[in-house]
Amino acid sequence: MNQTIDEQAGVEAEPEALDAYSRTVMNAAQTVGPAVVNIEVRHGDAKAEHRGGSGSGLIFTPDGFILTNSHVVHGAGRMEVALPDGRRFDAELAGEDPHTDLAVIRINGPNLPCAVLGDSGALRVGQLVVAIGNPYGFQSTVTAGVISATARSFRSASGRLIDNVIQTDAALNPGNSGGPLVNGRGQVIGVNTAIIRPAQGICFAIPSNTATFVVAQLLRFGRVKRSYIGMGGQDVPLHRRILRHHKIPGSGGVLVIQIEPGSPAERAGIREGDIVVEFDGVGTERVDELYRLLTEERVGKSTEVVVLRGLEKLALFVTPGDAS
């Protein structure tokens, strides 16, 4: 039986759509792939050295600074970095931040490829992303998927609560940790950090905007100077009527999804389900904005936090603790 005109058009369009998808993935891999490295960690000293695992990393400056996960390099006695072009270098730790599971290490070598961190604030659910890394030692492995959700919170293997993470279904495996999550334009918008076992397609990455902030602190101070209040949150939009009624600037707030027992947030009376819209007079539309305000200078200082609780707008006072 002869195909209809619509059926013929569909058959012809399918390969074209597939080619477009393939070109997007290939472009992301070709743009960022050369800067994705394999990191091998050794523990102990020269007399009793043993292998401590491996992970991935991203060269983000021409002079050899590499972004990876804190849990990949924490406690390493020696680190060796392998580039896709076959070169190998010893690496040294520049700084790490277990609170965000990020670390920076450095190698010295000529003509190093590098990739640039993009803007994770523009991400949308359903957007195509590509993960590049070295799972189980298979170097330069590329997988693709979509952004499943943004502004998630989860507790890392170390027990720390990590906020504002990206959820994706791009396949990740052990060894992918520390590798980049890349958008369709070849921009690095996340650092792959965790999977949930034995779930299928539930993987997490630290947003590039968080990484940019942490990197600046690590390169300047060797650590991130910050205070903490002990709550987990995620971004939520607010209806225009609520914004107008309570005279809230912006378009949303930070929904409190978890309170750590005995934390400054609990002592201040902040509850799960509250929406934080202001911290010390500054609007907090996003988790990133709230945590950027938690500087070291705020430790021990009573600070006003404005929250929405049901139909009420409440002013509470929290005294941040030292996160170091």
C-alpha atoms as a PDB file:
ATOM      1  CA  MET A   1       0.000   0.000   0.000  1.00  0.00           C
ATOM      2  CA  ASN A   2       1.315   3.450  -0.931  1.00  0.00           C
ATOM      3  CA  GLN A   3       2.323   5.839   1.849  1.00  0.00           C
ATOM      4  CA  THR A   4       0.388   9.065   2.286  1.00  0.00           C
ATOM      5  CA  ILE A   5       2.168  12.385   1.820  1.00  0.00           C
ATOM      6  CA  ASP A   6       2.172  12.971   5.608  1.00  0.00           C
ATOM      7  CA  GLU A   7       3.702   9.527   6.238  1.00  0.00           C
ATOM      8  CA  GLN A   8       6.415  10.120   3.670  1.00  0.00           C
ATOM      9  CA  ALA A   9       7.226  13.504   5.242  1.00  0.00           C
ATOM     10  CA  GLY A  10       7.486  11.871   8.666  1.00  0.00           C
ATOM     11  CA  VAL A  11       9.890   9.203   7.386  1.00  0.00           C
ATOM     12  CA  GLU A  12      12.092  11.849   5.780  1.00  0.00           C
ATOM     13  CA  ALA A  13      12.024  14.124   8.850  1.00  0.00           C
ATOM     14  CA  GLU A  14      13.028  11.408  11.330  1.00  0.00           C
ATOM     15  CA  PRO A  15      16.643  10.998  10.141  1.00  0.00           C
ATOM     16  CA  GLU A  16      16.986  14.779   9.984  1.00  0.00           C
ATOM     17  CA  ALA A  17      15.865  15.124  13.618  1.00  0.00           C
ATOM     18  CA  LEU A  18      18.207  12.297  14.640  1.00  0.00           C
ATOM     19  CA  ASP A  19      21.088  13.994  12.855  1.00  0.00           C
ATOM     20  CA  ALA A  20      20.360  17.250  14.679  1.00  0.00           C
ATOM     21  CA  TYR A  21      20.404  15.435  18.044  1.00  0.00           C
ATOM     22  CA  SER A  22      23.627  13.655  17.113  1.00  0.00           C
ATOM     23  CA  ARG A  23      25.268  16.876  15.986  1.00  0.00           C
ATOM     24  CA  THR A  24      24.392  18.543  19.293  1.00  0.00           C
ATOM     25  CA  VAL A  25      25.886  15.700  21.346  1.00  0.00           C
ATOM     26  CA  MET A  26      28.969  15.505  19.126  1.00  0.00           C
ATOM     27  CA  ASN A  27      29.521  19.254  19.350  1.00  0.00           C
ATOM     28  CA  ALA A  28      29.370  19.151  23.153  1.00  0.00           C
ATOM     29  CA  ALA A  29      31.789  16.215  23.272  1.00  0.00           C
ATOM     30  CA  GLN A  30      34.234  17.751  20.792  1.00  0.00           C
ATOM     31  CA  THR A  31      34.183  21.152  22.492  1.00  0.00           C
ATOM     32  CA  VAL A  32      34.682  20.012  26.084  1.00  0.00           C
ATOM     33  CA  GLY A  33      36.066  16.460  25.746  1.00  0.00           C
ATOM     34  CA  PRO A  34      39.745  17.394  25.283  1.00  0.00           C
ATOM     35  CA  ALA A  35      39.710  19.171  28.667  1.00  0.00           C
ATOM     36  CA  VAL A  36      38.210  16.215  30.589  1.00  0.00           C
ATOM     37  CA  VAL A  37      40.855  14.290  32.521  1.00  0.00           C
ATOM     38  CA  ASN A  38      41.137  11.077  34.479  1.00  0.00           C
ATOM     39  CA  ILE A  39      42.380  11.466  38.063  1.00  0.00           C
ATOM     40  CA  GLU A  40      44.075   8.525  39.795  1.00  0.00           C
ATOM     41  CA  VAL A  41      44.491   8.831  43.541  1.00  0.00           C
ATOM     42  CA  ARG A  42      47.144   7.137  45.660  1.00  0.00           C
ATOM     43  CA  HIS A  43      47.150   6.859  49.432  1.00  0.00           C
ATOM     44  CA  GLY A  44      49.978   6.256  51.859  1.00  0.00           C
ATOM     45  CA  ASP A  45      53.637   7.202  51.416  1.00  0.00           C
ATOM     46  CA  ALA A  46      56.332   6.163  48.939  1.00  0.00           C
ATOM     47  CA  LYS A  47      57.125   3.020  50.973  1.00  0.00           C
ATOM     48  CA  ALA A  48      53.535   1.802  51.323  1.00  0.00           C
ATOM     49  CA  GLU A  49      51.538   3.446  48.561  1.00  0.00           C
ATOM     50  CA  HIS A  50      48.234   1.950  47.444  1.00  0.00           C
ATOM     51  CA  ARG A  51      45.597   2.868  44.887  1.00  0.00           C
ATOM     52  CA  GLY A  52      42.767   4.928  46.327  1.00  0.00           C
ATOM     53  CA  GLY A  53      40.358   5.094  43.405  1.00  0.00           C
ATOM     54  CA  SER A  54      39.840   7.345  40.438  1.00  0.00           C
ATOM     55  CA  GLY A  55      37.521   9.997  39.097  1.00  0.00           C
ATOM     56  CA  SER A  56      37.185  12.687  36.478  1.00  0.00           C
ATOM     57  CA  GLY A  57      38.011  16.364  36.299  1.00  0.00           C
ATOM     58  CA  LEU A  58      37.836  19.397  34.019  1.00  0.00           C
ATOM     59  CA  ILE A  59      40.731  21.694  33.095  1.00  0.00           C
ATOM     60  CA  PHE A  60      39.181  25.162  33.306  1.00  0.00           C
ATOM     61  CA  THR A  61      42.251  27.418  32.930  1.00  0.00           C
ATOM     62  CA  PRO A  62      45.151  27.288  30.444  1.00  0.00           C
ATOM     63  CA  ASP A  63      47.632  27.131  33.328  1.00  0.00           C
ATOM     64  CA  GLY A  64      46.342  23.794  34.536  1.00  0.00           C
ATOM     65  CA  PHE A  65      43.735  24.305  37.253  1.00  0.00           C
ATOM     66  CA  ILE A  66      41.309  21.371  37.327  1.00  0.00           C
ATOM     67  CA  LEU A  67      37.827  21.243  38.862  1.00  0.00           C
ATOM     68  CA  THR A  68      36.693  17.943  40.367  1.00  0.00           C
ATOM     69  CA  ASN A  69      34.817  16.484  43.359  1.00  0.00           C
ATOM     70  CA  SER A  70      36.103  16.773  46.897  1.00  0.00           C
ATOM     71  CA  HIS A  71      35.295  13.117  47.527  1.00  0.00           C
ATOM     72  CA  VAL A  72      37.520  12.095  44.602  1.00  0.00           C
ATOM     73  CA  VAL A  73      40.705  13.715  45.938  1.00  0.00           C
ATOM     74  CA  HIS A  74      40.096  13.999  49.700  1.00  0.00           C
ATOM     75  CA  GLY A  75      42.989  12.577  51.701  1.00  0.00           C
ATOM     76  CA  ALA A  76      45.065  11.757  48.631  1.00  0.00           C
ATOM     77  CA  GLY A  77      48.762  11.153  49.180  1.00  0.00           C
ATOM     78  CA  ARG A  78      49.526  11.515  45.484  1.00  0.00           C
ATOM     79  CA  MET A  79      47.430  12.310  42.406  1.00  0.00           C
ATOM     80  CA  GLU A  80      48.160  11.545  38.775  1.00  0.00           C
ATOM     81  CA  VAL A  81      46.184  13.155  35.952  1.00  0.00           C
ATOM     82  CA  ALA A  82      45.809  11.596  32.491  1.00  0.00           C
ATOM     83  CA  LEU A  83      44.732  13.742  29.525  1.00  0.00           C
ATOM     84  CA  PRO A  84      42.831  12.375  26.519  1.00  0.00           C
ATOM     85  CA  ASP A  85      45.923  13.038  24.372  1.00  0.00           C
ATOM     86  CA  GLY A  86      47.910  10.527  26.429  1.00  0.00           C
ATOM     87  CA  ARG A  87      49.959  12.919  28.560  1.00  0.00           C
ATOM     88  CA  ARG A  88      50.214  12.282  32.290  1.00  0.00           C
ATOM     89  CA  PHE A  89      51.058  14.728  35.070  1.00  0.00           C
ATOM     90  CA  ASP A  90      51.372  14.689  38.832  1.00  0.00           C
ATOM     91  CA  ALA A  91      48.863  17.037  40.471  1.00  0.00           C
ATOM     92  CA  GLU A  92      48.706  19.005  43.695  1.00  0.00           C
ATOM     93  CA  LEU A  93      45.667  20.079  45.694  1.00  0.00           C
ATOM     94  CA  ALA A  94      44.807  23.796  45.502  1.00  0.00           C
ATOM     95  CA  GLY A  95      41.799  23.552  47.830  1.00  0.00           C
ATOM     96  CA  GLU A  96      38.598  21.644  48.539  1.00  0.00           C
ATOM     97  CA  ASP A  97      35.114  22.341  49.863  1.00  0.00           C
ATOM     98  CA  PRO A  98      33.324  19.252  51.236  1.00  0.00           C
ATOM     99  CA  HIS A  99      30.153  21.319  51.764  1.00  0.00           C
ATOM    100  CA  THR A 100      29.634  21.458  47.977  1.00  0.00           C
ATOM    101  CA  ASP A 101      31.752  18.368  47.161  1.00  0.00           C
ATOM    102  CA  LEU A 102      34.046  20.469  44.975  1.00  0.00           C
ATOM    103  CA  ALA A 103      37.831  20.650  44.797  1.00  0.00           C
ATOM    104  CA  VAL A 104      40.507  22.279  42.664  1.00  0.00           C
ATOM    105  CA  ILE A 105      43.802  20.592  41.806  1.00  0.00           C
ATOM    106  CA  ARG A 106      46.601  21.789  39.525  1.00  0.00           C
ATOM    107  CA  ILE A 107      49.008  20.342  36.969  1.00  0.00           C
ATOM    108  CA  ASN A 108      51.929  21.993  35.181  1.00  0.00           C
ATOM    109  CA  GLY A 109      52.229  21.390  31.451  1.00  0.00           C
ATOM    110  CA  PRO A 110      52.365  23.129  28.071  1.00  0.00           C
ATOM    111  CA  ASN A 111      49.493  23.622  25.625  1.00  0.00           C
ATOM    112  CA  LEU A 112      46.753  22.455  27.967  1.00  0.00           C
ATOM    113  CA  PRO A 113      43.182  22.374  26.609  1.00  0.00           C
ATOM    114  CA  CYS A 114      40.568  24.039  28.779  1.00  0.00           C
ATOM    115  CA  ALA A 115      36.813  24.540  28.932  1.00  0.00           C
ATOM    116  CA  VAL A 116      34.831  27.454  30.334  1.00  0.00           C
ATOM    117  CA  LEU A 117      32.164  27.293  33.040  1.00  0.00           C
ATOM    118  CA  GLY A 118      28.801  28.541  31.745  1.00  0.00           C
ATOM    119  CA  ASP A 119      25.661  29.927  33.406  1.00  0.00           C
ATOM    120  CA  SER A 120      23.631  27.227  35.157  1.00  0.00           C
ATOM    121  CA  GLY A 121      20.989  29.792  36.105  1.00  0.00           C
ATOM    122  CA  ALA A 122      19.508  29.532  32.609  1.00  0.00           C
ATOM    123  CA  LEU A 123      18.837  25.778  32.812  1.00  0.00           C
ATOM    124  CA  ARG A 124      15.340  24.472  32.142  1.00  0.00           C
ATOM    125  CA  VAL A 125      13.767  21.108  32.936  1.00  0.00           C
ATOM    126  CA  GLY A 126      13.797  18.917  29.823  1.00  0.00           C
ATOM    127  CA  GLN A 127      16.902  20.575  28.373  1.00  0.00           C
ATOM    128  CA  LEU A 128      19.414  18.290  26.636  1.00  0.00           C
ATOM    129  CA  VAL A 129      22.679  17.706  28.528  1.00  0.00           C
ATOM    130  CA  VAL A 130      25.788  15.634  27.919  1.00  0.00           C
ATOM    131  CA  ALA A 131      27.972  14.032  30.594  1.00  0.00           C
ATOM    132  CA  ILE A 132      31.647  13.337  29.912  1.00  0.00           C
ATOM    133  CA  GLY A 133      33.904  11.321  32.185  1.00  0.00           C
ATOM    134  CA  ASN A 134      35.840   8.156  32.846  1.00  0.00           C
ATOM    135  CA  PRO A 135      33.459   5.568  34.371  1.00  0.00           C
ATOM    136  CA  TYR A 136      35.240   2.406  35.513  1.00  0.00           C
ATOM    137  CA  GLY A 137      38.390   3.743  33.859  1.00  0.00           C
ATOM    138  CA  PHE A 138      36.859   3.922  30.357  1.00  0.00           C
ATOM    139  CA  GLN A 139      38.317   7.268  29.350  1.00  0.00           C
ATOM    140  CA  SER A 140      36.327   9.972  27.532  1.00  0.00           C
ATOM    141  CA  THR A 141      32.951   8.243  27.835  1.00  0.00           C
ATOM    142  CA  VAL A 142      30.017  10.348  26.614  1.00  0.00           C
ATOM    143  CA  THR A 143      26.379   9.921  27.678  1.00  0.00           C
ATOM    144  CA  ALA A 144      23.362  12.131  27.020  1.00  0.00           C
ATOM    145  CA  GLY A 145      20.058  12.863  28.721  1.00  0.00           C
ATOM    146  CA  VAL A 146      17.951  15.741  29.966  1.00  0.00           C
ATOM    147  CA  ILE A 147      17.676  17.984  33.000  1.00  0.00           C
ATOM    148  CA  SER A 148      15.162  16.143  35.198  1.00  0.00           C
ATOM    149  CA  ALA A 149      14.932  18.826  37.889  1.00  0.00           C
ATOM    150  CA  THR A 150      16.840  21.782  39.302  1.00  0.00           C
ATOM    151  CA  ALA A 151      17.506  23.035  42.833  1.00  0.00           C
ATOM    152  CA  ARG A 152      17.416  19.588  44.433  1.00  0.00           C
ATOM    153  CA  SER A 153      18.968  18.862  47.838  1.00  0.00           C
ATOM    154  CA  PHE A 154      20.523  15.582  48.883  1.00  0.00           C
ATOM    155  CA  ARG A 155      22.813  14.208  51.565  1.00  0.00           C
ATOM    156  CA  SER A 156      26.211  13.164  50.277  1.00  0.00           C
ATOM    157  CA  ALA A 157      28.107  10.016  51.254  1.00  0.00           C
ATOM    158  CA  SER A 158      29.983  12.091  53.852  1.00  0.00           C
ATOM    159  CA  GLY A 159      26.676  13.000  55.508  1.00  0.00           C
ATOM    160  CA  ARG A 160      26.743  16.642  54.424  1.00  0.00           C
ATOM    161  CA  LEU A 161      23.596  18.196  52.975  1.00  0.00           C
ATOM    162  CA  ILE A 162      24.301  19.605  49.502  1.00  0.00           C
ATOM    163  CA  ASP A 163      21.812  22.144  48.179  1.00  0.00           C
ATOM    164  CA  ASN A 164      20.800  23.413  44.767  1.00  0.00           C
ATOM    165  CA  VAL A 165      21.993  20.425  42.751  1.00  0.00           C
ATOM    166  CA  ILE A 166      20.943  19.530  39.210  1.00  0.00           C
ATOM    167  CA  GLN A 167      19.138  16.222  38.667  1.00  0.00           C
ATOM    168  CA  THR A 168      19.699  14.515  35.313  1.00  0.00           C
ATOM    169  CA  ASP A 169      19.037  11.144  33.688  1.00  0.00           C
ATOM    170  CA  ALA A 170      22.296  11.236  31.709  1.00  0.00           C
ATOM    171  CA  ALA A 171      23.905   7.926  32.677  1.00  0.00           C
ATOM    172  CA  LEU A 172      26.643   8.242  35.312  1.00  0.00           C
ATOM    173  CA  ASN A 173      28.744   5.509  36.876  1.00  0.00           C
ATOM    174  CA  PRO A 174      31.626   5.325  39.364  1.00  0.00           C
ATOM    175  CA  GLY A 175      34.475   7.272  37.792  1.00  0.00           C
ATOM    176  CA  ASN A 176      32.192   9.924  36.313  1.00  0.00           C
ATOM    177  CA  SER A 177      32.462  11.905  39.560  1.00  0.00           C
ATOM    178  CA  GLY A 178      34.085  15.272  38.941  1.00  0.00           C
ATOM    179  CA  GLY A 179      33.436  15.284  35.203  1.00  0.00           C
ATOM    180  CA  PRO A 180      31.466  18.002  33.429  1.00  0.00           C
ATOM    181  CA  LEU A 181      27.779  18.204  32.569  1.00  0.00           C
ATOM    182  CA  VAL A 182      27.516  20.123  29.298  1.00  0.00           C
ATOM    183  CA  ASN A 183      24.603  21.816  27.537  1.00  0.00           C
ATOM    184  CA  GLY A 184      23.832  21.567  23.831  1.00  0.00           C
ATOM    185  CA  ARG A 185      25.996  24.601  23.057  1.00  0.00           C
ATOM    186  CA  GLY A 186      29.090  23.022  24.524  1.00  0.00           C
ATOM    187  CA  GLN A 187      29.003  25.043  27.768  1.00  0.00           C
ATOM    188  CA  VAL A 188      29.849  23.398  31.095  1.00  0.00           C
ATOM    189  CA  ILE A 189      26.835  23.911  33.349  1.00  0.00           C
ATOM    190  CA  GLY A 190      27.527  21.368  36.086  1.00  0.00           C
ATOM    191  CA  VAL A 191      30.018  19.074  37.825  1.00  0.00           C
ATOM    192  CA  ASN A 192      28.787  15.478  38.090  1.00  0.00           C
ATOM    193  CA  THR A 193      28.840  14.360  41.687  1.00  0.00           C
ATOM    194  CA  ALA A 194      26.540  11.472  42.640  1.00  0.00           C
ATOM    195  CA  ILE A 195      24.161   8.714  41.655  1.00  0.00           C
ATOM    196  CA  ILE A 196      21.433   6.978  43.619  1.00  0.00           C
ATOM    197  CA  ARG A 197      21.851   3.224  43.686  1.00  0.00           C
ATOM    198  CA  PRO A 198      20.092   1.071  42.565  1.00  0.00           C
ATOM    199  CA  ALA A 199      17.825   3.678  40.943  1.00  0.00           C
ATOM    200  CA  GLN A 200      17.991   4.108  37.188  1.00  0.00           C
ATOM    201  CA  GLY A 201      18.498   7.570  35.722  1.00  0.00           C
ATOM    202  CA  ILE A 202      18.708   9.563  38.957  1.00  0.00           C
ATOM    203  CA  CYS A 203      22.024  11.404  38.929  1.00  0.00           C
ATOM    204  CA  PHE A 204      23.191  14.726  40.324  1.00  0.00           C
ATOM    205  CA  ALA A 205      25.555  17.552  39.413  1.00  0.00           C
ATOM    206  CA  ILE A 206      26.721  20.684  41.221  1.00  0.00           C
ATOM    207  CA  PRO A 207      25.648  23.766  39.198  1.00  0.00           C
ATOM    208  CA  SER A 208      28.388  25.716  37.415  1.00  0.00           C
ATOM    209  CA  ASN A 209      27.326  28.946  39.148  1.00  0.00           C
ATOM    210  CA  THR A 210      28.026  27.309  42.513  1.00  0.00           C
ATOM    211  CA  ALA A 211      31.331  26.001  41.158  1.00  0.00           C
ATOM    212  CA  THR A 212      32.348  29.472  39.939  1.00  0.00           C
ATOM    213  CA  PHE A 213      31.798  30.922  43.418  1.00  0.00           C
ATOM    214  CA  VAL A 214      33.603  28.054  45.170  1.00  0.00           C
ATOM    215  CA  VAL A 215      36.550  28.105  42.746  1.00  0.00           C
ATOM    216  CA  ALA A 216      37.125  31.829  43.359  1.00  0.00           C
ATOM    217  CA  GLN A 217      37.227  31.218  47.120  1.00  0.00           C
ATOM    218  CA  LEU A 218      39.488  28.168  46.856  1.00  0.00           C
ATOM    219  CA  LEU A 219      41.995  29.896  44.610  1.00  0.00           C
ATOM    220  CA  ARG A 220      42.093  32.948  46.863  1.00  0.00           C
ATOM    221  CA  PHE A 221      41.982  31.388  50.327  1.00  0.00           C
ATOM    222  CA  GLY A 222      42.461  27.635  49.843  1.00  0.00           C
ATOM    223  CA  ARG A 223      39.032  27.103  51.398  1.00  0.00           C
ATOM    224  CA  VAL A 224      35.537  28.593  51.261  1.00  0.00           C
ATOM    225  CA  LYS A 225      34.902  31.085  54.024  1.00  0.00           C
ATOM    226  CA  ARG A 226      31.260  30.831  55.030  1.00  0.00           C
ATOM    227  CA  SER A 227      28.749  30.590  57.802  1.00  0.00           C
ATOM    228  CA  TYR A 228      25.826  28.172  57.893  1.00  0.00           C
ATOM    229  CA  ILE A 229      22.278  27.999  59.205  1.00  0.00           C
ATOM    230  CA  GLY A 230      21.615  24.264  58.776  1.00  0.00           C
ATOM    231  CA  MET A 231      18.725  24.010  56.347  1.00  0.00           C
ATOM    232  CA  GLY A 232      18.170  22.460  52.945  1.00  0.00           C
ATOM    233  CA  GLY A 233      16.139  24.337  50.374  1.00  0.00           C
ATOM    234  CA  GLN A 234      15.058  24.527  46.775  1.00  0.00           C
ATOM    235  CA  ASP A 235      13.887  27.331  44.495  1.00  0.00           C
ATOM    236  CA  VAL A 236      10.132  27.857  44.179  1.00  0.00           C
ATOM    237  CA  PRO A 237       8.151  30.416  42.148  1.00  0.00           C
ATOM    238  CA  LEU A 238       5.507  32.513  43.905  1.00  0.00           C
ATOM    239  CA  HIS A 239       2.183  33.702  42.503  1.00  0.00           C
ATOM    240  CA  ARG A 240       2.057  37.365  41.546  1.00  0.00           C
ATOM    241  CA  ARG A 241      -0.788  37.995  43.983  1.00  0.00           C
ATOM    242  CA  ILE A 242       1.353  36.709  46.869  1.00  0.00           C
ATOM    243  CA  LEU A 243       4.292  38.819  45.733  1.00  0.00           C
ATOM    244  CA  ARG A 244       2.116  41.952  45.546  1.00  0.00           C
ATOM    245  CA  HIS A 245       0.300  41.290  48.817  1.00  0.00           C
ATOM    246  CA  HIS A 246       3.497  40.840  50.825  1.00  0.00           C
ATOM    247  CA  LYS A 247       5.516  43.383  48.773  1.00  0.00           C
ATOM    248  CA  ILE A 248       8.155  40.813  47.904  1.00  0.00           C
ATOM    249  CA  PRO A 249      10.702  41.775  45.229  1.00  0.00           C
ATOM    250  CA  GLY A 250      11.547  39.224  42.579  1.00  0.00           C
ATOM    251  CA  SER A 251       9.513  36.214  41.527  1.00  0.00           C
ATOM    252  CA  GLY A 252      10.134  33.458  44.084  1.00  0.00           C
ATOM    253  CA  GLY A 253      11.826  32.250  47.235  1.00  0.00           C
ATOM    254  CA  VAL A 254      13.623  29.317  48.841  1.00  0.00           C
ATOM    255  CA  LEU A 255      11.399  26.499  50.081  1.00  0.00           C
ATOM    256  CA  VAL A 256      12.774  24.894  53.257  1.00  0.00           C
ATOM    257  CA  ILE A 257      12.740  21.134  52.752  1.00  0.00           C
ATOM    258  CA  GLN A 258      14.968  20.028  55.606  1.00  0.00           C
ATOM    259  CA  ILE A 259      16.155  21.364  58.960  1.00  0.00           C
ATOM    260  CA  GLU A 260      19.216  19.876  60.650  1.00  0.00           C
ATOM    261  CA  PRO A 261      18.573  19.025  64.321  1.00  0.00           C
ATOM    262  CA  GLY A 262      20.193  21.487  66.706  1.00  0.00           C
ATOM    263  CA  SER A 263      21.093  23.862  63.888  1.00  0.00           C
ATOM    264  CA  PRO A 264      20.838  27.686  63.947  1.00  0.00           C
ATOM    265  CA  ALA A 265      17.794  27.405  61.679  1.00  0.00           C
ATOM    266  CA  GLU A 266      15.989  25.126  64.141  1.00  0.00           C
ATOM    267  CA  ARG A 267      16.842  27.399  67.063  1.00  0.00           C
ATOM    268  CA  ALA A 268      15.514  30.386  65.109  1.00  0.00           C
ATOM    269  CA  GLY A 269      12.156  28.687  64.625  1.00  0.00           C
ATOM    270  CA  ILE A 270      12.461  28.116  60.878  1.00  0.00           C
ATOM    271  CA  ARG A 271      10.322  25.132  59.840  1.00  0.00           C
ATOM    272  CA  GLU A 272      10.120  22.767  56.927  1.00  0.00           C
ATOM    273  CA  GLY A 273       7.631  24.228  54.457  1.00  0.00           C
ATOM    274  CA  ASP A 274       8.594  27.836  55.164  1.00  0.00           C
ATOM    275  CA  ILE A 275       9.626  29.916  52.150  1.00  0.00           C
ATOM    276  CA  VAL A 276      12.595  32.190  52.769  1.00  0.00           C
ATOM    277  CA  VAL A 277      12.124  35.426  50.793  1.00  0.00           C
ATOM    278  CA  GLU A 278      14.605  37.736  52.497  1.00  0.00           C
ATOM    279  CA  PHE A 279      17.871  37.474  54.433  1.00  0.00           C
ATOM    280  CA  ASP A 280      19.257  40.532  56.193  1.00  0.00           C
ATOM    281  CA  GLY A 281      17.208  42.834  53.968  1.00  0.00           C
ATOM    282  CA  VAL A 282      18.237  41.146  50.705  1.00  0.00           C
ATOM    283  CA  GLY A 283      15.736  39.228  48.569  1.00  0.00           C
ATOM    284  CA  THR A 284      16.403  35.504  48.171  1.00  0.00           C
ATOM    285  CA  GLU A 285      14.779  34.179  45.019  1.00  0.00           C
ATOM    286  CA  ARG A 286      17.262  31.303  44.657  1.00  0.00           C
ATOM    287  CA  VAL A 287      19.232  28.982  46.908  1.00  0.00           C
ATOM    288  CA  ASP A 288      22.461  30.325  45.369  1.00  0.00           C
ATOM    289  CA  GLU A 289      21.568  33.846  46.428  1.00  0.00           C
ATOM    290  CA  LEU A 290      20.858  32.781  50.003  1.00  0.00           C
ATOM    291  CA  TYR A 291      24.107  30.866  50.405  1.00  0.00           C
ATOM    292  CA  ARG A 292      26.196  33.651  48.909  1.00  0.00           C
ATOM    293  CA  LEU A 293      24.936  35.812  51.768  1.00  0.00           C
ATOM    294  CA  LEU A 294      26.216  33.328  54.353  1.00  0.00           C
ATOM    295  CA  THR A 295      29.695  34.815  54.538  1.00  0.00           C
ATOM    296  CA  GLU A 296      32.234  34.256  57.279  1.00  0.00           C
ATOM    297  CA  GLU A 297      31.523  37.704  58.716  1.00  0.00           C
ATOM    298  CA  ARG A 298      27.988  36.623  59.704  1.00  0.00           C
ATOM    299  CA  VAL A 299      29.146  33.942  62.167  1.00  0.00           C
ATOM    300  CA  GLY A 300      27.631  34.665  65.586  1.00  0.00           C
ATOM    301  CA  LYS A 301      25.629  37.701  64.411  1.00  0.00           C
ATOM    302  CA  SER A 302      21.850  37.707  64.813  1.00  0.00           C
ATOM    303  CA  THR A 303      20.324  38.231  61.364  1.00  0.00           C
ATOM    304  CA  GLU A 304      16.717  38.801  60.305  1.00  0.00           C
ATOM    305  CA  VAL A 305      15.205  36.157  58.031  1.00  0.00           C
ATOM    306  CA  VAL A 306      11.799  36.817  56.451  1.00  0.00           C
ATOM    307  CA  VAL A 307       9.708  33.740  55.657  1.00  0.00           C
ATOM    308  CA  LEU A 308       6.263  32.965  54.326  1.00  0.00           C
ATOM    309  CA  ARG A 309       4.408  30.415  56.444  1.00  0.00           C
ATOM    310  CA  GLY A 310       0.995  29.687  55.028  1.00  0.00           C
ATOM    311  CA  LEU A 311      -0.690  33.064  54.608  1.00  0.00           C
ATOM    312  CA  GLU A 312       1.623  34.802  57.083  1.00  0.00           C
ATOM    313  CA  LYS A 313       4.819  36.744  56.528  1.00  0.00           C
ATOM    314  CA  LEU A 314       7.108  36.325  59.540  1.00  0.00           C
ATOM    315  CA  ALA A 315      10.377  37.930  60.611  1.00  0.00           C
ATOM    316  CA  LEU A 316      12.641  35.486  62.455  1.00  0.00           C
ATOM    317  CA  PHE A 317      16.177  35.940  63.767  1.00  0.00           C
ATOM    318  CA  VAL A 318      18.920  33.397  63.104  1.00  0.00           C
ATOM    319  CA  THR A 319      22.510  33.381  64.359  1.00  0.00           C
ATOM    320  CA  PRO A 320      24.664  31.608  61.735  1.00  0.00           C
ATOM    321  CA  GLY A 321      27.344  29.197  62.912  1.00  0.00           C
ATOM    322  CA  ASP A 322      30.866  28.617  61.602  1.00  0.00           C
ATOM    323  CA  ALA A 323      30.880  26.201  58.667  1.00  0.00           C
ATOM    324  CA  SER A 324      34.665  25.702  58.574  1.00  0.00           C
END
